C-alpha atoms as a PDB file:
ATOM      1  CA  UNK A   1      14.532   7.705  12.151  1.00  0.00           C
ATOM      2  CA  UNK A   2      12.379   5.267  10.292  1.00  0.00           C
ATOM      3  CA  UNK A   3      11.811   6.350   6.608  1.00  0.00           C
ATOM      4  CA  UNK A   4       9.388   4.953   3.741  1.00  0.00           C
ATOM      5  CA  UNK A   5       9.735   6.130   0.356  1.00  0.00           C
ATOM      6  CA  UNK A   6       7.542   5.484  -2.414  1.00  0.00           C
ATOM      7  CA  UNK A   7       7.998   5.138  -6.273  1.00  0.00           C
ATOM      8  CA  UNK A   8       6.681   3.957  -9.415  1.00  0.00           C
ATOM      9  CA  UNK A   9       3.476   5.967  -9.625  1.00  0.00           C
ATOM     10  CA  UNK A  10       2.499   7.590 -12.949  1.00  0.00           C
ATOM     11  CA  UNK A  11      -0.224   8.060 -15.653  1.00  0.00           C
ATOM     12  CA  UNK A  12      -2.046   4.725 -17.194  1.00  0.00           C
ATOM     13  CA  UNK A  13      -4.647   4.209 -19.065  1.00  0.00           C
ATOM     14  CA  UNK A  14      -7.846   2.095 -17.991  1.00  0.00           C
ATOM     15  CA  UNK A  15      -7.310  -1.612 -17.893  1.00  0.00           C
ATOM     16  CA  UNK A  16      -3.484  -1.062 -17.461  1.00  0.00           C
ATOM     17  CA  UNK A  17      -1.100  -2.079 -14.902  1.00  0.00           C
ATOM     18  CA  UNK A  18       1.301  -0.332 -12.603  1.00  0.00           C
ATOM     19  CA  UNK A  19       3.529  -1.461  -9.678  1.00  0.00           C
ATOM     20  CA  UNK A  20       4.531   1.060  -7.029  1.00  0.00           C
ATOM     21  CA  UNK A  21       7.220   0.253  -4.469  1.00  0.00           C
ATOM     22  CA  UNK A  22       7.975   1.150  -1.074  1.00  0.00           C
ATOM     23  CA  UNK A  23      11.814   1.512  -0.037  1.00  0.00           C
ATOM     24  CA  UNK A  24      12.301   1.538   4.006  1.00  0.00           C
ATOM     25  CA  UNK A  25      15.312   2.432   5.789  1.00  0.00           C
ATOM     26  CA  UNK A  26      16.363   2.728   9.422  1.00  0.00           C
ATOM     27  CA  UNK A  27      14.312  -0.081  10.529  1.00  0.00           C
ATOM     28  CA  UNK A  28      14.085  -3.830  10.149  1.00  0.00           C
ATOM     29  CA  UNK A  29      11.594  -4.355   7.652  1.00  0.00           C
ATOM     30  CA  UNK A  30      10.576  -7.920   9.092  1.00  0.00           C
ATOM     31  CA  UNK A  31       9.567  -6.126  12.493  1.00  0.00           C
ATOM     32  CA  UNK A  32       6.817  -4.136  10.673  1.00  0.00           C
ATOM     33  CA  UNK A  33       3.730  -5.064   9.024  1.00  0.00           C
ATOM     34  CA  UNK A  34       3.260  -2.565   5.951  1.00  0.00           C
ATOM     35  CA  UNK A  35       0.351  -0.921   4.499  1.00  0.00           C
ATOM     36  CA  UNK A  36      -0.508   0.609   1.227  1.00  0.00           C
ATOM     37  CA  UNK A  37      -3.055   3.626   1.513  1.00  0.00           C
ATOM     38  CA  UNK A  38      -4.501   6.028  -1.297  1.00  0.00           C
ATOM     39  CA  UNK A  39      -6.324   9.510  -1.011  1.00  0.00           C
ATOM     40  CA  UNK A  40      -8.110  10.924  -3.755  1.00  0.00           C
ATOM     41  CA  UNK A  41      -8.876  14.658  -3.796  1.00  0.00           C
ATOM     42  CA  UNK A  42     -11.594  15.761  -1.531  1.00  0.00           C
ATOM     43  CA  UNK A  43     -11.591  12.046   0.289  1.00  0.00           C
ATOM     44  CA  UNK A  44     -10.369  10.578   3.139  1.00  0.00           C
ATOM     45  CA  UNK A  45      -7.399   8.430   3.080  1.00  0.00           C
ATOM     46  CA  UNK A  46      -8.312   4.666   2.789  1.00  0.00           C
ATOM     47  CA  UNK A  47      -6.794   1.535   3.484  1.00  0.00           C
ATOM     48  CA  UNK A  48      -5.910  -0.318   0.360  1.00  0.00           C
ATOM     49  CA  UNK A  49      -3.961  -3.285   1.317  1.00  0.00           C
ATOM     50  CA  UNK A  50      -1.398  -4.846   4.137  1.00  0.00           C
ATOM     51  CA  UNK A  51       0.803  -7.328   4.695  1.00  0.00           C
ATOM     52  CA  UNK A  52       1.678  -8.690   7.898  1.00  0.00           C
ATOM     53  CA  UNK A  53       4.969  -9.130   9.338  1.00  0.00           C
ATOM     54  CA  UNK A  54       4.594 -12.304  11.232  1.00  0.00           C
ATOM     55  CA  UNK A  55       3.515 -14.752   8.288  1.00  0.00           C
ATOM     56  CA  UNK A  56       3.288 -12.330   5.327  1.00  0.00           C
ATOM     57  CA  UNK A  57      -0.535 -12.912   5.382  1.00  0.00           C
ATOM     58  CA  UNK A  58      -1.917 -10.214   3.066  1.00  0.00           C
ATOM     59  CA  UNK A  59      -5.248  -8.112   3.106  1.00  0.00           C
ATOM     60  CA  UNK A  60      -7.506  -6.100   0.874  1.00  0.00           C
ATOM     61  CA  UNK A  61      -9.962  -3.777   0.637  1.00  0.00           C
ATOM     62  CA  UNK A  62     -12.933  -4.937  -1.271  1.00  0.00           C
ATOM     63  CA  UNK A  63     -12.422  -2.373  -3.927  1.00  0.00           C
ATOM     64  CA  UNK A  64      -9.217  -3.731  -5.137  1.00  0.00           C
ATOM     65  CA  UNK A  65      -9.421  -7.433  -4.369  1.00  0.00           C
ATOM     66  CA  UNK A  66      -8.581  -9.686  -7.286  1.00  0.00           C
ATOM     67  CA  UNK A  67      -6.782  -6.643  -8.972  1.00  0.00           C
ATOM     68  CA  UNK A  68      -3.866  -5.539  -6.657  1.00  0.00           C
ATOM     69  CA  UNK A  69      -1.083  -7.707  -4.829  1.00  0.00           C
ATOM     70  CA  UNK A  70       0.819  -6.949  -2.196  1.00  0.00           C
ATOM     71  CA  UNK A  71       4.383  -8.261  -1.686  1.00  0.00           C
ATOM     72  CA  UNK A  72       7.371  -7.809   0.447  1.00  0.00           C
ATOM     73  CA  UNK A  73      11.118  -8.766  -0.040  1.00  0.00           C
ATOM     74  CA  UNK A  74      12.541  -8.328   3.386  1.00  0.00           C
ATOM     75  CA  UNK A  75      16.290  -8.793   1.845  1.00  0.00           C
ATOM     76  CA  UNK A  76      15.863  -5.575  -0.282  1.00  0.00           C
ATOM     77  CA  UNK A  77      13.754  -3.719   2.439  1.00  0.00           C
ATOM     78  CA  UNK A  78      10.968  -3.190   0.113  1.00  0.00           C
ATOM     79  CA  UNK A  79       7.153  -3.782  -0.342  1.00  0.00           C
ATOM     80  CA  UNK A  80       5.553  -3.760  -3.841  1.00  0.00           C
ATOM     81  CA  UNK A  81       1.770  -3.091  -5.002  1.00  0.00           C
ATOM     82  CA  UNK A  82       1.109  -4.600  -8.180  1.00  0.00           C
ATOM     83  CA  UNK A  83      -2.046  -2.900  -9.502  1.00  0.00           C
ATOM     84  CA  UNK A  84      -3.737  -4.369 -12.449  1.00  0.00           C
ATOM     85  CA  UNK A  85      -6.955  -3.573 -14.242  1.00  0.00           C
ATOM     86  CA  UNK A  86      -6.942  -0.290 -13.164  1.00  0.00           C
ATOM     87  CA  UNK A  87      -9.867   2.020 -13.254  1.00  0.00           C
ATOM     88  CA  UNK A  88     -10.215   5.814 -13.268  1.00  0.00           C
ATOM     89  CA  UNK A  89     -11.409   5.616  -9.475  1.00  0.00           C
ATOM     90  CA  UNK A  90      -7.859   4.322  -8.675  1.00  0.00           C
ATOM     91  CA  UNK A  91      -6.598   7.647  -9.274  1.00  0.00           C
ATOM     92  CA  UNK A  92      -4.795   8.787  -5.993  1.00  0.00           C
ATOM     93  CA  UNK A  93      -1.827   9.613  -4.080  1.00  0.00           C
ATOM     94  CA  UNK A  94      -0.684   6.158  -2.843  1.00  0.00           C
ATOM     95  CA  UNK A  95       1.182   5.915   0.475  1.00  0.00           C
ATOM     96  CA  UNK A  96       3.055   2.979   2.142  1.00  0.00           C
ATOM     97  CA  UNK A  97       3.057   3.087   6.159  1.00  0.00           C
ATOM     98  CA  UNK A  98       4.448   0.759   8.893  1.00  0.00           C
ATOM     99  CA  UNK A  99       3.153  -0.432  12.009  1.00  0.00           C
ATOM    100  CA  UNK A 100       4.224  -2.949  14.766  1.00  0.00           C
ATOM    101  CA  UNK A 101       1.069  -4.703  14.918  1.00  0.00           C
ATOM    102  CA  UNK A 102       0.732  -8.150  13.356  1.00  0.00           C
ATOM    103  CA  UNK A 103      -2.956  -8.112  12.654  1.00  0.00           C
ATOM    104  CA  UNK A 104      -6.219  -6.669  13.654  1.00  0.00           C
ATOM    105  CA  UNK A 105      -9.615  -7.847  13.338  1.00  0.00           C
ATOM    106  CA  UNK A 106     -10.432  -5.268  10.720  1.00  0.00           C
ATOM    107  CA  UNK A 107      -7.692  -6.410   8.169  1.00  0.00           C
ATOM    108  CA  UNK A 108      -9.377  -9.787   8.176  1.00  0.00           C
ATOM    109  CA  UNK A 109     -12.615  -7.667   7.202  1.00  0.00           C
ATOM    110  CA  UNK A 110     -10.650  -5.913   4.279  1.00  0.00           C
ATOM    111  CA  UNK A 111     -10.807  -2.581   6.809  1.00  0.00           C
ATOM    112  CA  UNK A 112      -7.134  -1.328   7.069  1.00  0.00           C
ATOM    113  CA  UNK A 113      -7.408   1.727   9.399  1.00  0.00           C
ATOM    114  CA  UNK A 114      -4.588   4.482   8.894  1.00  0.00           C
ATOM    115  CA  UNK A 115      -4.728   5.218  12.521  1.00  0.00           C
ATOM    116  CA  UNK A 116      -2.901   1.882  13.162  1.00  0.00           C
ATOM    117  CA  UNK A 117      -0.054   2.956  11.214  1.00  0.00           C
ATOM    118  CA  UNK A 118       2.621   5.315  12.882  1.00  0.00           C
ATOM    119  CA  UNK A 119       5.053   5.688  10.159  1.00  0.00           C
ATOM    120  CA  UNK A 120       4.456   7.123   6.774  1.00  0.00           C
ATOM    121  CA  UNK A 121       6.050   7.932   3.375  1.00  0.00           C
ATOM    122  CA  UNK A 122       5.279  10.758   1.153  1.00  0.00           C
ATOM    123  CA  UNK A 123       3.271   9.462  -1.455  1.00  0.00           C
ATOM    124  CA  UNK A 124       3.490   8.860  -4.975  1.00  0.00           C
ATOM    125  CA  UNK A 125       0.676   9.907  -7.452  1.00  0.00           C
ATOM    126  CA  UNK A 126      -1.117   7.266  -9.578  1.00  0.00           C
ATOM    127  CA  UNK A 127      -3.502   8.527 -12.487  1.00  0.00           C
ATOM    128  CA  UNK A 128      -5.789   6.628 -14.445  1.00  0.00           C
ATOM    129  CA  UNK A 129      -7.068   8.270 -17.305  1.00  0.00           C
ATOM    130  CA  UNK A 130      -7.620   7.870 -21.108  1.00  0.00           C
END
C-alpha cells in the first residue's frame, strides 16, 4: 500500500525557515509526481507546490513563489519543501500527496488541485508565530 509520511514541522518565528520532508514507501517515487498542500483551520486545503515525475519541473502557488522550494531525492524516496521567510499566514497543517499525472495546465498557472492527487500523508503542523 502506498504510504507517505511527513515530518519536520514545528514552531518558527516570522521570517524564519523550516524544511518539511515527505518519505514515501511501497512505490517507486520516480513514477509519481509529488505535491505539497496545506490546510489552515476553517479553510480549504490548498496546493502549495508540486514536482513532476517526468522532468522534475516544479510549480508553485503565487502565495509562496520565491519563498518555498520543492525538491526530490528519488534514491532516498523523499521529497522536501524548504520554506524561507515564513509568515504567520503560512501556519497550517502541511500534507504531501502523490499522483501519476505528469503535468496539468493548472500546475503551470500555480493552481495545484488536491483532487488530482490520490495518495496522502497524515500531515505535519507548521506554526509561524512570535
